[in-house]
Amino acid sequence: MKSHALVFLGAPGAGKGTQAHKVAEAFGIPHISTGEILRQAVASGSALGQAAKEKMEAGELVPDEVMCRIVADRIGQADCAKGFILDGFPRTVAQARFLDGLLDQGGQPLQVLNLQVKPELLMKRLRGRRTCPVCGTTYNLELNPPARNSVCDRDGARLIARADDNEEAIRHRLAAYERDTSPLIDYYKRRGVLHSVDGNRDPEAIAQELVRFLRDA
């Protein structure tokens, strides 16, 4: 794969994190998740981190200006020079335009991968989702269970459910995605950089298709 900036799009439960991790391993590039860099910014004690922390603790979204600056700092690091994956950013068209400006300055081409999943399967995935608090590996009790019940295969830690993986919260998140993030699909389609993938299949089959596509991109 040539040096690319990759963006993964998809509704909550579409498998963005799982597929981004697999693609990152295949090409040796960093997988940058919004949650991870927000936690790092907060832990750093920087002014940006403090601004993000105040909004997160109030249960509010981190403002575009703060989120964009945190992302800009991260993708400006040396390990992103040969490509990187963004998972969870951009969430809005305004953020997408900001990213376009950064990539234009650096001369890095963009490829956007959109995972399309049926709503009923999204609900099933999210209700059964469990995450390792140590390594971050995500499982699904029905679709991708660990070898031992509620225990991570990698480090033996007890898996946890996200507080917002209940049905009411899930419906709210899916509605928010449709309202705020799905317009990105049209935005990137118009730019000619969108590649949509059937995300209803086995994760390994999806990963193999993505890797084949990116090798030729």
N, C-alpha and C. Protein backbone atom coordinates (compact mmCIF):
# COMPACT_ATOMS: atom_id res chain seq x y z
N MET A 1 0.84 -1.19 0.00
CA MET A 1 0.00 0.00 0.00
C MET A 1 0.87 1.24 0.00
N LYS A 2 0.52 2.22 -0.83
CA LYS A 2 1.20 3.51 -0.81
C LYS A 2 0.87 4.22 0.50
N SER A 3 1.66 5.25 0.81
CA SER A 3 1.41 6.02 2.02
C SER A 3 0.05 6.71 1.92
N HIS A 4 -0.88 6.28 2.77
CA HIS A 4 -2.23 6.81 2.75
C HIS A 4 -2.68 7.20 4.14
N ALA A 5 -3.55 8.18 4.20
CA ALA A 5 -4.34 8.42 5.39
C ALA A 5 -5.64 7.67 5.19
N LEU A 6 -5.98 6.81 6.13
CA LEU A 6 -7.19 6.01 6.03
C LEU A 6 -8.19 6.45 7.10
N VAL A 7 -9.43 6.61 6.71
CA VAL A 7 -10.52 6.91 7.64
C VAL A 7 -11.52 5.78 7.58
N PHE A 8 -11.89 5.25 8.74
CA PHE A 8 -12.93 4.22 8.81
C PHE A 8 -14.24 4.87 9.23
N LEU A 9 -15.28 4.67 8.42
CA LEU A 9 -16.62 5.14 8.74
C LEU A 9 -17.53 3.94 8.99
N GLY A 10 -18.58 4.19 9.76
CA GLY A 10 -19.56 3.15 10.05
C GLY A 10 -20.28 3.48 11.34
N ALA A 11 -21.51 3.01 11.46
CA ALA A 11 -22.30 3.26 12.66
C ALA A 11 -21.68 2.56 13.86
N PRO A 12 -22.05 2.95 15.08
CA PRO A 12 -21.61 2.21 16.26
C PRO A 12 -21.95 0.73 16.10
N GLY A 13 -20.97 -0.13 16.35
CA GLY A 13 -21.18 -1.56 16.18
C GLY A 13 -20.85 -2.09 14.81
N ALA A 14 -20.43 -1.22 13.89
CA ALA A 14 -20.13 -1.66 12.53
C ALA A 14 -18.82 -2.45 12.45
N GLY A 15 -17.97 -2.32 13.47
CA GLY A 15 -16.71 -3.05 13.47
C GLY A 15 -15.52 -2.23 13.05
N LYS A 16 -15.63 -0.90 13.17
CA LYS A 16 -14.52 -0.03 12.75
C LYS A 16 -13.24 -0.35 13.51
N GLY A 17 -13.35 -0.48 14.83
CA GLY A 17 -12.15 -0.74 15.64
C GLY A 17 -11.50 -2.06 15.29
N THR A 18 -12.32 -3.09 15.12
CA THR A 18 -11.80 -4.42 14.78
C THR A 18 -11.08 -4.39 13.45
N GLN A 19 -11.71 -3.81 12.43
CA GLN A 19 -11.10 -3.79 11.10
C GLN A 19 -9.90 -2.86 11.04
N ALA A 20 -9.97 -1.72 11.72
CA ALA A 20 -8.83 -0.81 11.74
C ALA A 20 -7.61 -1.50 12.35
N HIS A 21 -7.83 -2.26 13.42
CA HIS A 21 -6.73 -2.98 14.07
C HIS A 21 -6.10 -3.99 13.11
N LYS A 22 -6.93 -4.73 12.38
CA LYS A 22 -6.42 -5.75 11.46
C LYS A 22 -5.64 -5.11 10.30
N VAL A 23 -6.17 -4.01 9.76
CA VAL A 23 -5.49 -3.34 8.65
C VAL A 23 -4.18 -2.70 9.13
N ALA A 24 -4.20 -2.13 10.32
CA ALA A 24 -2.98 -1.53 10.87
C ALA A 24 -1.88 -2.58 11.02
N GLU A 25 -2.24 -3.76 11.50
CA GLU A 25 -1.26 -4.84 11.63
C GLU A 25 -0.74 -5.29 10.27
N ALA A 26 -1.64 -5.37 9.29
CA ALA A 26 -1.25 -5.85 7.96
C ALA A 26 -0.24 -4.92 7.29
N PHE A 27 -0.36 -3.60 7.53
CA PHE A 27 0.49 -2.64 6.83
C PHE A 27 1.52 -1.95 7.73
N GLY A 28 1.49 -2.27 9.02
CA GLY A 28 2.49 -1.69 9.93
C GLY A 28 2.34 -0.19 10.11
N ILE A 29 1.09 0.28 10.18
CA ILE A 29 0.84 1.71 10.38
C ILE A 29 0.02 1.88 11.67
N PRO A 30 0.05 3.06 12.29
CA PRO A 30 -0.67 3.25 13.55
C PRO A 30 -2.18 3.34 13.37
N HIS A 31 -2.89 2.72 14.31
CA HIS A 31 -4.35 2.81 14.39
C HIS A 31 -4.66 3.84 15.47
N ILE A 32 -5.25 4.95 15.06
CA ILE A 32 -5.49 6.07 15.98
C ILE A 32 -6.99 6.16 16.24
N SER A 33 -7.39 5.78 17.44
CA SER A 33 -8.81 5.87 17.80
C SER A 33 -9.04 7.15 18.60
N THR A 34 -10.21 7.74 18.39
CA THR A 34 -10.55 8.98 19.09
C THR A 34 -10.48 8.80 20.59
N GLY A 35 -11.04 7.69 21.09
CA GLY A 35 -11.03 7.45 22.53
C GLY A 35 -9.63 7.39 23.10
N GLU A 36 -8.72 6.72 22.37
CA GLU A 36 -7.34 6.57 22.85
C GLU A 36 -6.62 7.91 22.92
N ILE A 37 -6.72 8.72 21.88
CA ILE A 37 -5.96 9.98 21.90
C ILE A 37 -6.59 10.99 22.87
N LEU A 38 -7.89 10.89 23.10
CA LEU A 38 -8.50 11.75 24.11
C LEU A 38 -7.99 11.38 25.50
N ARG A 39 -7.92 10.07 25.78
CA ARG A 39 -7.40 9.63 27.08
C ARG A 39 -5.95 10.07 27.25
N GLN A 40 -5.15 9.97 26.19
CA GLN A 40 -3.75 10.38 26.27
C GLN A 40 -3.63 11.88 26.50
N ALA A 41 -4.49 12.66 25.83
CA ALA A 41 -4.45 14.12 25.99
C ALA A 41 -4.82 14.51 27.42
N VAL A 42 -5.83 13.86 27.97
CA VAL A 42 -6.25 14.14 29.34
C VAL A 42 -5.14 13.77 30.32
N ALA A 43 -4.53 12.59 30.11
CA ALA A 43 -3.47 12.12 31.00
C ALA A 43 -2.24 13.02 30.94
N SER A 44 -2.01 13.68 29.81
CA SER A 44 -0.83 14.53 29.66
C SER A 44 -0.92 15.80 30.50
N GLY A 45 -2.14 16.19 30.85
CA GLY A 45 -2.31 17.42 31.63
C GLY A 45 -2.16 18.69 30.82
N SER A 46 -2.11 18.56 29.50
CA SER A 46 -1.95 19.74 28.64
C SER A 46 -3.22 20.59 28.66
N ALA A 47 -3.11 21.80 28.13
CA ALA A 47 -4.27 22.68 28.05
C ALA A 47 -5.37 22.05 27.19
N LEU A 48 -4.96 21.42 26.09
CA LEU A 48 -5.94 20.75 25.24
C LEU A 48 -6.61 19.61 25.99
N GLY A 49 -5.80 18.83 26.70
CA GLY A 49 -6.34 17.71 27.48
C GLY A 49 -7.31 18.18 28.55
N GLN A 50 -6.98 19.30 29.20
CA GLN A 50 -7.86 19.83 30.24
C GLN A 50 -9.18 20.29 29.65
N ALA A 51 -9.12 20.92 28.47
CA ALA A 51 -10.35 21.38 27.81
C ALA A 51 -11.24 20.19 27.45
N ALA A 52 -10.61 19.11 26.97
CA ALA A 52 -11.36 17.90 26.63
C ALA A 52 -11.95 17.26 27.88
N LYS A 53 -11.16 17.22 28.94
CA LYS A 53 -11.61 16.58 30.19
C LYS A 53 -12.85 17.26 30.75
N GLU A 54 -12.86 18.58 30.73
CA GLU A 54 -14.00 19.32 31.28
C GLU A 54 -15.29 18.98 30.53
N LYS A 55 -15.21 18.87 29.21
CA LYS A 55 -16.39 18.53 28.43
C LYS A 55 -16.82 17.09 28.67
N MET A 56 -15.85 16.18 28.71
CA MET A 56 -16.16 14.76 28.91
C MET A 56 -16.79 14.53 30.27
N GLU A 57 -16.27 15.18 31.30
CA GLU A 57 -16.81 15.01 32.64
C GLU A 57 -18.21 15.59 32.77
N ALA A 58 -18.53 16.56 31.92
CA ALA A 58 -19.87 17.15 31.92
C ALA A 58 -20.83 16.35 31.04
N GLY A 59 -20.33 15.27 30.42
CA GLY A 59 -21.16 14.45 29.55
C GLY A 59 -21.42 15.07 28.21
N GLU A 60 -20.58 16.01 27.81
CA GLU A 60 -20.76 16.71 26.54
C GLU A 60 -19.72 16.25 25.52
N LEU A 61 -20.01 16.51 24.24
CA LEU A 61 -19.05 16.21 23.19
C LEU A 61 -17.87 17.18 23.25
N VAL A 62 -16.68 16.68 22.96
CA VAL A 62 -15.51 17.55 22.88
C VAL A 62 -15.69 18.46 21.67
N PRO A 63 -15.53 19.78 21.82
CA PRO A 63 -15.74 20.71 20.69
C PRO A 63 -14.83 20.39 19.51
N ASP A 64 -15.32 20.70 18.32
CA ASP A 64 -14.54 20.45 17.10
C ASP A 64 -13.14 21.06 17.19
N GLU A 65 -13.06 22.30 17.67
CA GLU A 65 -11.76 22.98 17.71
C GLU A 65 -10.74 22.20 18.53
N VAL A 66 -11.17 21.70 19.70
CA VAL A 66 -10.28 20.94 20.58
C VAL A 66 -9.94 19.59 19.95
N MET A 67 -10.97 18.89 19.45
CA MET A 67 -10.74 17.57 18.87
C MET A 67 -9.81 17.66 17.66
N CYS A 68 -10.01 18.66 16.82
CA CYS A 68 -9.18 18.81 15.63
C CYS A 68 -7.72 19.07 15.99
N ARG A 69 -7.49 19.87 17.00
CA ARG A 69 -6.10 20.16 17.41
C ARG A 69 -5.43 18.92 18.00
N ILE A 70 -6.19 18.12 18.75
CA ILE A 70 -5.63 16.89 19.32
C ILE A 70 -5.25 15.92 18.19
N VAL A 71 -6.14 15.79 17.20
CA VAL A 71 -5.86 14.91 16.06
C VAL A 71 -4.66 15.42 15.27
N ALA A 72 -4.59 16.74 15.05
CA ALA A 72 -3.47 17.31 14.30
C ALA A 72 -2.14 17.02 14.99
N ASP A 73 -2.11 17.14 16.32
CA ASP A 73 -0.89 16.83 17.07
C ASP A 73 -0.49 15.37 16.87
N ARG A 74 -1.49 14.47 16.91
CA ARG A 74 -1.16 13.04 16.82
C ARG A 74 -0.67 12.64 15.44
N ILE A 75 -1.34 13.09 14.38
CA ILE A 75 -0.92 12.64 13.06
C ILE A 75 0.32 13.37 12.57
N GLY A 76 0.75 14.37 13.33
CA GLY A 76 2.01 15.04 13.01
C GLY A 76 3.22 14.32 13.55
N GLN A 77 3.01 13.23 14.29
CA GLN A 77 4.12 12.48 14.87
C GLN A 77 4.77 11.59 13.81
N ALA A 78 6.03 11.21 14.08
CA ALA A 78 6.86 10.53 13.09
C ALA A 78 6.28 9.21 12.62
N ASP A 79 5.58 8.47 13.49
CA ASP A 79 5.10 7.14 13.10
C ASP A 79 3.96 7.21 12.09
N CYS A 80 3.44 8.40 11.83
CA CYS A 80 2.35 8.55 10.85
C CYS A 80 2.86 8.91 9.46
N ALA A 81 4.16 9.05 9.30
CA ALA A 81 4.72 9.52 8.03
C ALA A 81 4.41 8.57 6.87
N LYS A 82 4.31 7.27 7.16
CA LYS A 82 4.07 6.28 6.10
C LYS A 82 2.61 5.85 6.03
N GLY A 83 1.74 6.60 6.70
CA GLY A 83 0.32 6.27 6.68
C GLY A 83 -0.21 6.05 8.08
N PHE A 84 -1.52 6.16 8.22
CA PHE A 84 -2.16 5.97 9.51
C PHE A 84 -3.65 5.73 9.29
N ILE A 85 -4.30 5.24 10.34
CA ILE A 85 -5.74 4.98 10.31
C ILE A 85 -6.41 5.81 11.37
N LEU A 86 -7.47 6.52 10.99
CA LEU A 86 -8.29 7.27 11.93
C LEU A 86 -9.60 6.52 12.15
N ASP A 87 -9.91 6.24 13.41
CA ASP A 87 -11.11 5.51 13.81
C ASP A 87 -11.88 6.38 14.80
N GLY A 88 -13.00 6.97 14.33
CA GLY A 88 -13.78 7.86 15.20
C GLY A 88 -13.60 9.32 14.87
N PHE A 89 -12.77 9.62 13.90
CA PHE A 89 -12.57 11.00 13.43
C PHE A 89 -12.34 10.93 11.93
N PRO A 90 -12.98 11.81 11.16
CA PRO A 90 -13.90 12.86 11.57
C PRO A 90 -15.30 12.32 11.87
N ARG A 91 -16.04 13.07 12.70
CA ARG A 91 -17.43 12.73 13.01
C ARG A 91 -18.41 13.66 12.31
N THR A 92 -17.92 14.79 11.85
CA THR A 92 -18.79 15.78 11.20
C THR A 92 -18.11 16.28 9.93
N VAL A 93 -18.88 16.91 9.07
CA VAL A 93 -18.32 17.46 7.83
C VAL A 93 -17.31 18.56 8.15
N ALA A 94 -17.55 19.33 9.20
CA ALA A 94 -16.59 20.37 9.59
C ALA A 94 -15.24 19.76 9.94
N GLN A 95 -15.26 18.66 10.68
CA GLN A 95 -14.01 17.96 11.01
C GLN A 95 -13.36 17.39 9.76
N ALA A 96 -14.16 16.90 8.83
CA ALA A 96 -13.62 16.35 7.59
C ALA A 96 -12.90 17.42 6.78
N ARG A 97 -13.45 18.61 6.75
CA ARG A 97 -12.80 19.70 6.00
C ARG A 97 -11.49 20.09 6.66
N PHE A 98 -11.47 20.07 7.99
CA PHE A 98 -10.23 20.35 8.70
C PHE A 98 -9.17 19.30 8.34
N LEU A 99 -9.56 18.04 8.35
CA LEU A 99 -8.63 16.96 7.99
C LEU A 99 -8.13 17.12 6.56
N ASP A 100 -9.01 17.49 5.64
CA ASP A 100 -8.60 17.72 4.25
C ASP A 100 -7.46 18.75 4.19
N GLY A 101 -7.61 19.82 4.97
CA GLY A 101 -6.58 20.86 4.98
C GLY A 101 -5.25 20.34 5.48
N LEU A 102 -5.28 19.53 6.54
CA LEU A 102 -4.03 18.95 7.08
C LEU A 102 -3.36 18.05 6.05
N LEU A 103 -4.14 17.20 5.40
CA LEU A 103 -3.58 16.25 4.45
C LEU A 103 -3.06 16.95 3.20
N ASP A 104 -3.73 18.01 2.78
CA ASP A 104 -3.26 18.78 1.63
C ASP A 104 -1.88 19.38 1.92
N GLN A 105 -1.70 19.87 3.15
CA GLN A 105 -0.41 20.45 3.54
C GLN A 105 0.70 19.40 3.49
N GLY A 106 0.36 18.17 3.92
CA GLY A 106 1.38 17.12 3.97
C GLY A 106 1.49 16.31 2.70
N GLY A 107 0.59 16.54 1.75
CA GLY A 107 0.65 15.81 0.49
C GLY A 107 0.27 14.34 0.61
N GLN A 108 -0.51 13.98 1.65
CA GLN A 108 -0.91 12.59 1.84
C GLN A 108 -2.28 12.34 1.23
N PRO A 109 -2.41 11.33 0.35
CA PRO A 109 -3.73 11.00 -0.20
C PRO A 109 -4.62 10.38 0.87
N LEU A 110 -5.93 10.48 0.67
CA LEU A 110 -6.91 9.98 1.62
C LEU A 110 -7.73 8.87 0.99
N GLN A 111 -8.00 7.84 1.78
CA GLN A 111 -8.92 6.77 1.38
C GLN A 111 -9.89 6.54 2.54
N VAL A 112 -11.18 6.52 2.24
CA VAL A 112 -12.21 6.37 3.27
C VAL A 112 -12.91 5.03 3.08
N LEU A 113 -12.95 4.24 4.14
CA LEU A 113 -13.53 2.90 4.11
C LEU A 113 -14.81 2.91 4.95
N ASN A 114 -15.93 2.64 4.31
CA ASN A 114 -17.24 2.71 4.96
C ASN A 114 -17.81 1.31 5.16
N LEU A 115 -18.01 0.91 6.42
CA LEU A 115 -18.56 -0.40 6.74
C LEU A 115 -20.07 -0.30 6.85
N GLN A 116 -20.77 -0.98 5.95
CA GLN A 116 -22.23 -0.94 5.92
C GLN A 116 -22.80 -2.18 6.61
N VAL A 117 -23.62 -1.96 7.65
CA VAL A 117 -24.17 -3.06 8.45
C VAL A 117 -25.65 -2.81 8.68
N LYS A 118 -26.46 -3.88 8.60
CA LYS A 118 -27.90 -3.79 8.82
C LYS A 118 -28.19 -3.33 10.25
N PRO A 119 -29.22 -2.49 10.45
CA PRO A 119 -29.54 -1.98 11.79
C PRO A 119 -29.77 -3.06 12.83
N GLU A 120 -30.46 -4.15 12.45
CA GLU A 120 -30.74 -5.21 13.42
C GLU A 120 -29.46 -5.91 13.87
N LEU A 121 -28.48 -6.01 12.99
CA LEU A 121 -27.22 -6.62 13.37
C LEU A 121 -26.40 -5.68 14.24
N LEU A 122 -26.47 -4.38 13.96
CA LEU A 122 -25.79 -3.41 14.82
C LEU A 122 -26.27 -3.53 16.26
N MET A 123 -27.59 -3.62 16.43
CA MET A 123 -28.16 -3.74 17.77
C MET A 123 -27.67 -5.02 18.45
N LYS A 124 -27.65 -6.12 17.73
CA LYS A 124 -27.21 -7.39 18.29
C LYS A 124 -25.75 -7.32 18.71
N ARG A 125 -24.94 -6.72 17.87
CA ARG A 125 -23.51 -6.60 18.18
C ARG A 125 -23.29 -5.74 19.43
N LEU A 126 -23.97 -4.62 19.51
CA LEU A 126 -23.74 -3.68 20.61
C LEU A 126 -24.24 -4.23 21.94
N ARG A 127 -25.37 -4.94 21.92
CA ARG A 127 -25.87 -5.50 23.16
C ARG A 127 -24.94 -6.57 23.72
N GLY A 128 -24.25 -7.29 22.83
CA GLY A 128 -23.37 -8.37 23.29
C GLY A 128 -21.91 -7.98 23.39
N ARG A 129 -21.59 -6.71 23.18
CA ARG A 129 -20.18 -6.29 23.15
C ARG A 129 -19.56 -6.28 24.54
N ARG A 130 -18.35 -6.79 24.61
CA ARG A 130 -17.56 -6.75 25.84
C ARG A 130 -16.12 -6.37 25.48
N THR A 131 -15.47 -5.61 26.34
CA THR A 131 -14.13 -5.10 26.05
C THR A 131 -13.17 -5.45 27.18
N CYS A 132 -11.92 -5.75 26.81
CA CYS A 132 -10.89 -5.99 27.81
C CYS A 132 -10.37 -4.64 28.33
N PRO A 133 -10.42 -4.41 29.64
CA PRO A 133 -9.95 -3.12 30.18
C PRO A 133 -8.44 -2.98 30.15
N VAL A 134 -7.72 -4.07 29.89
CA VAL A 134 -6.25 -4.03 29.88
C VAL A 134 -5.71 -3.76 28.48
N CYS A 135 -6.09 -4.60 27.50
CA CYS A 135 -5.52 -4.47 26.15
C CYS A 135 -6.46 -3.84 25.14
N GLY A 136 -7.73 -3.67 25.51
CA GLY A 136 -8.67 -3.02 24.62
C GLY A 136 -9.32 -3.92 23.59
N THR A 137 -9.01 -5.23 23.59
CA THR A 137 -9.61 -6.15 22.63
C THR A 137 -11.13 -6.21 22.84
N THR A 138 -11.87 -6.17 21.72
CA THR A 138 -13.33 -6.19 21.78
C THR A 138 -13.85 -7.56 21.36
N TYR A 139 -14.81 -8.07 22.12
CA TYR A 139 -15.46 -9.35 21.83
C TYR A 139 -16.96 -9.12 21.71
N ASN A 140 -17.66 -10.15 21.22
CA ASN A 140 -19.11 -10.16 21.25
C ASN A 140 -19.55 -11.52 21.77
N LEU A 141 -20.39 -11.53 22.79
CA LEU A 141 -20.75 -12.78 23.45
C LEU A 141 -21.47 -13.74 22.52
N GLU A 142 -22.12 -13.23 21.46
CA GLU A 142 -22.82 -14.10 20.51
C GLU A 142 -22.03 -14.33 19.25
N LEU A 143 -21.39 -13.28 18.74
CA LEU A 143 -20.79 -13.34 17.41
C LEU A 143 -19.29 -13.64 17.44
N ASN A 144 -18.60 -13.19 18.48
CA ASN A 144 -17.15 -13.37 18.56
C ASN A 144 -16.75 -13.53 20.03
N PRO A 145 -17.19 -14.63 20.67
CA PRO A 145 -16.97 -14.77 22.11
C PRO A 145 -15.53 -15.15 22.43
N PRO A 146 -15.07 -14.83 23.64
CA PRO A 146 -13.75 -15.30 24.08
C PRO A 146 -13.79 -16.80 24.32
N ALA A 147 -12.61 -17.43 24.40
CA ALA A 147 -12.55 -18.87 24.63
C ALA A 147 -13.16 -19.24 25.98
N ARG A 148 -12.92 -18.40 26.98
CA ARG A 148 -13.51 -18.60 28.31
C ARG A 148 -14.51 -17.49 28.59
N ASN A 149 -15.61 -17.81 29.20
CA ASN A 149 -16.69 -16.86 29.41
C ASN A 149 -16.23 -15.60 30.13
N SER A 150 -16.40 -14.45 29.47
CA SER A 150 -16.13 -13.12 30.06
C SER A 150 -14.68 -12.89 30.47
N VAL A 151 -13.73 -13.62 29.84
CA VAL A 151 -12.31 -13.46 30.16
C VAL A 151 -11.54 -13.24 28.86
N CYS A 152 -10.66 -12.25 28.84
CA CYS A 152 -9.88 -11.95 27.63
C CYS A 152 -8.93 -13.08 27.28
N ASP A 153 -8.90 -13.44 26.00
CA ASP A 153 -8.00 -14.50 25.54
C ASP A 153 -6.54 -14.09 25.65
N ARG A 154 -6.25 -12.80 25.55
CA ARG A 154 -4.86 -12.33 25.50
C ARG A 154 -4.21 -12.24 26.88
N ASP A 155 -4.93 -11.69 27.87
CA ASP A 155 -4.28 -11.44 29.16
C ASP A 155 -5.07 -11.92 30.37
N GLY A 156 -6.21 -12.58 30.14
CA GLY A 156 -6.97 -13.14 31.25
C GLY A 156 -7.76 -12.16 32.07
N ALA A 157 -7.81 -10.89 31.64
CA ALA A 157 -8.59 -9.90 32.39
C ALA A 157 -10.08 -10.14 32.20
N ARG A 158 -10.88 -9.78 33.21
CA ARG A 158 -12.33 -9.94 33.11
C ARG A 158 -12.89 -8.85 32.20
N LEU A 159 -13.69 -9.26 31.22
CA LEU A 159 -14.26 -8.34 30.24
C LEU A 159 -15.36 -7.50 30.87
N ILE A 160 -15.52 -6.28 30.33
CA ILE A 160 -16.53 -5.37 30.85
C ILE A 160 -17.44 -4.91 29.72
N ALA A 161 -18.66 -4.52 30.08
CA ALA A 161 -19.60 -3.93 29.12
C ALA A 161 -19.55 -2.43 29.25
N ARG A 162 -19.64 -1.73 28.13
CA ARG A 162 -19.70 -0.28 28.17
C ARG A 162 -21.00 0.16 28.83
N ALA A 163 -20.93 1.23 29.59
CA ALA A 163 -22.12 1.73 30.29
C ALA A 163 -23.22 2.12 29.32
N ASP A 164 -22.85 2.52 28.09
CA ASP A 164 -23.85 2.96 27.12
C ASP A 164 -24.24 1.86 26.14
N ASP A 165 -23.95 0.60 26.47
CA ASP A 165 -24.36 -0.51 25.61
C ASP A 165 -25.68 -1.13 26.09
N ASN A 166 -26.61 -0.30 26.53
CA ASN A 166 -27.98 -0.75 26.79
C ASN A 166 -28.87 -0.27 25.66
N GLU A 167 -30.05 -0.86 25.54
CA GLU A 167 -30.86 -0.63 24.32
C GLU A 167 -31.23 0.84 24.12
N GLU A 168 -31.63 1.52 25.17
CA GLU A 168 -32.01 2.93 25.02
C GLU A 168 -30.84 3.79 24.56
N ALA A 169 -29.67 3.56 25.20
CA ALA A 169 -28.49 4.33 24.83
C ALA A 169 -28.03 4.00 23.41
N ILE A 170 -28.16 2.73 23.03
CA ILE A 170 -27.75 2.31 21.69
C ILE A 170 -28.60 3.01 20.63
N ARG A 171 -29.91 3.07 20.85
CA ARG A 171 -30.79 3.73 19.89
C ARG A 171 -30.44 5.22 19.77
N HIS A 172 -30.10 5.81 20.90
CA HIS A 172 -29.71 7.24 20.90
C HIS A 172 -28.43 7.44 20.10
N ARG A 173 -27.45 6.54 20.28
CA ARG A 173 -26.17 6.67 19.55
C ARG A 173 -26.36 6.45 18.06
N LEU A 174 -27.22 5.49 17.69
CA LEU A 174 -27.45 5.25 16.26
C LEU A 174 -28.15 6.45 15.62
N ALA A 175 -29.08 7.06 16.36
CA ALA A 175 -29.76 8.25 15.84
C ALA A 175 -28.77 9.41 15.68
N ALA A 176 -27.87 9.56 16.66
CA ALA A 176 -26.87 10.62 16.58
C ALA A 176 -25.93 10.40 15.40
N TYR A 177 -25.61 9.14 15.13
CA TYR A 177 -24.75 8.83 13.98
C TYR A 177 -25.43 9.25 12.69
N GLU A 178 -26.70 8.87 12.54
CA GLU A 178 -27.42 9.22 11.32
C GLU A 178 -27.49 10.72 11.13
N ARG A 179 -27.68 11.43 12.23
CA ARG A 179 -27.83 12.89 12.14
C ARG A 179 -26.51 13.59 11.84
N ASP A 180 -25.46 13.20 12.55
CA ASP A 180 -24.21 13.98 12.51
C ASP A 180 -23.14 13.40 11.59
N THR A 181 -23.05 12.08 11.53
CA THR A 181 -21.90 11.46 10.86
C THR A 181 -22.22 10.89 9.49
N SER A 182 -23.43 10.38 9.29
CA SER A 182 -23.72 9.79 7.98
C SER A 182 -23.60 10.78 6.82
N PRO A 183 -23.78 12.12 7.03
CA PRO A 183 -23.53 13.05 5.91
C PRO A 183 -22.10 12.96 5.37
N LEU A 184 -21.18 12.43 6.16
CA LEU A 184 -19.81 12.26 5.68
C LEU A 184 -19.74 11.30 4.50
N ILE A 185 -20.67 10.35 4.45
CA ILE A 185 -20.67 9.39 3.34
C ILE A 185 -20.87 10.13 2.03
N ASP A 186 -21.85 11.03 1.99
CA ASP A 186 -22.08 11.81 0.77
C ASP A 186 -20.90 12.74 0.49
N TYR A 187 -20.35 13.33 1.54
CA TYR A 187 -19.23 14.24 1.38
C TYR A 187 -18.04 13.54 0.72
N TYR A 188 -17.69 12.36 1.23
CA TYR A 188 -16.54 11.64 0.68
C TYR A 188 -16.86 10.97 -0.66
N LYS A 189 -18.13 10.63 -0.87
CA LYS A 189 -18.51 10.07 -2.16
C LYS A 189 -18.31 11.11 -3.26
N ARG A 190 -18.71 12.34 -2.96
CA ARG A 190 -18.52 13.42 -3.94
C ARG A 190 -17.05 13.67 -4.24
N ARG A 191 -16.20 13.44 -3.24
CA ARG A 191 -14.76 13.63 -3.45
C ARG A 191 -14.11 12.44 -4.16
N GLY A 192 -14.83 11.34 -4.30
CA GLY A 192 -14.31 10.19 -5.02
C GLY A 192 -13.32 9.35 -4.23
N VAL A 193 -13.39 9.42 -2.89
CA VAL A 193 -12.42 8.67 -2.07
C VAL A 193 -13.11 7.64 -1.19
N LEU A 194 -14.41 7.40 -1.39
CA LEU A 194 -15.17 6.49 -0.53
C LEU A 194 -15.20 5.09 -1.12
N HIS A 195 -14.90 4.09 -0.29
CA HIS A 195 -15.01 2.68 -0.68
C HIS A 195 -15.89 1.99 0.36
N SER A 196 -17.09 1.56 -0.04
CA SER A 196 -18.02 0.92 0.88
C SER A 196 -17.86 -0.60 0.85
N VAL A 197 -18.00 -1.20 2.02
CA VAL A 197 -17.78 -2.64 2.20
C VAL A 197 -18.97 -3.23 2.95
N ASP A 198 -19.37 -4.44 2.56
CA ASP A 198 -20.43 -5.17 3.26
C ASP A 198 -19.90 -5.62 4.62
N GLY A 199 -20.36 -4.96 5.68
CA GLY A 199 -19.88 -5.27 7.02
C GLY A 199 -20.72 -6.29 7.76
N ASN A 200 -21.65 -6.97 7.07
CA ASN A 200 -22.51 -7.95 7.71
C ASN A 200 -21.86 -9.33 7.80
N ARG A 201 -20.66 -9.48 7.24
CA ARG A 201 -20.03 -10.79 7.12
C ARG A 201 -19.06 -11.07 8.27
N ASP A 202 -18.41 -12.24 8.16
CA ASP A 202 -17.39 -12.62 9.14
C ASP A 202 -16.26 -11.58 9.13
N PRO A 203 -15.77 -11.17 10.32
CA PRO A 203 -14.72 -10.14 10.37
C PRO A 203 -13.47 -10.48 9.57
N GLU A 204 -13.08 -11.75 9.53
CA GLU A 204 -11.88 -12.11 8.77
C GLU A 204 -12.07 -11.91 7.28
N ALA A 205 -13.27 -12.23 6.78
CA ALA A 205 -13.55 -12.04 5.34
C ALA A 205 -13.52 -10.54 5.00
N ILE A 206 -14.05 -9.72 5.88
CA ILE A 206 -14.03 -8.27 5.65
C ILE A 206 -12.59 -7.76 5.63
N ALA A 207 -11.80 -8.21 6.61
CA ALA A 207 -10.40 -7.77 6.69
C ALA A 207 -9.62 -8.15 5.44
N GLN A 208 -9.82 -9.36 4.95
CA GLN A 208 -9.12 -9.81 3.74
C GLN A 208 -9.48 -8.95 2.54
N GLU A 209 -10.77 -8.59 2.43
CA GLU A 209 -11.19 -7.73 1.32
C GLU A 209 -10.55 -6.36 1.43
N LEU A 210 -10.53 -5.79 2.63
CA LEU A 210 -9.94 -4.47 2.82
C LEU A 210 -8.45 -4.47 2.49
N VAL A 211 -7.74 -5.48 2.93
CA VAL A 211 -6.29 -5.54 2.67
C VAL A 211 -6.03 -5.67 1.18
N ARG A 212 -6.81 -6.52 0.50
CA ARG A 212 -6.64 -6.66 -0.96
C ARG A 212 -6.90 -5.33 -1.67
N PHE A 213 -7.96 -4.64 -1.26
CA PHE A 213 -8.29 -3.37 -1.89
C PHE A 213 -7.18 -2.34 -1.67
N LEU A 214 -6.67 -2.26 -0.46
CA LEU A 214 -5.67 -1.25 -0.13
C LEU A 214 -4.32 -1.54 -0.78
N ARG A 215 -4.02 -2.79 -1.00
CA ARG A 215 -2.76 -3.12 -1.68
C ARG A 215 -2.74 -2.59 -3.10
N ASP A 216 -3.92 -2.46 -3.70
CA ASP A 216 -4.02 -1.95 -5.07
C ASP A 216 -4.35 -0.46 -5.12
N ALA A 217 -4.63 0.14 -3.94
CA ALA A 217 -5.08 1.54 -3.92
C ALA A 217 -3.95 2.50 -4.24
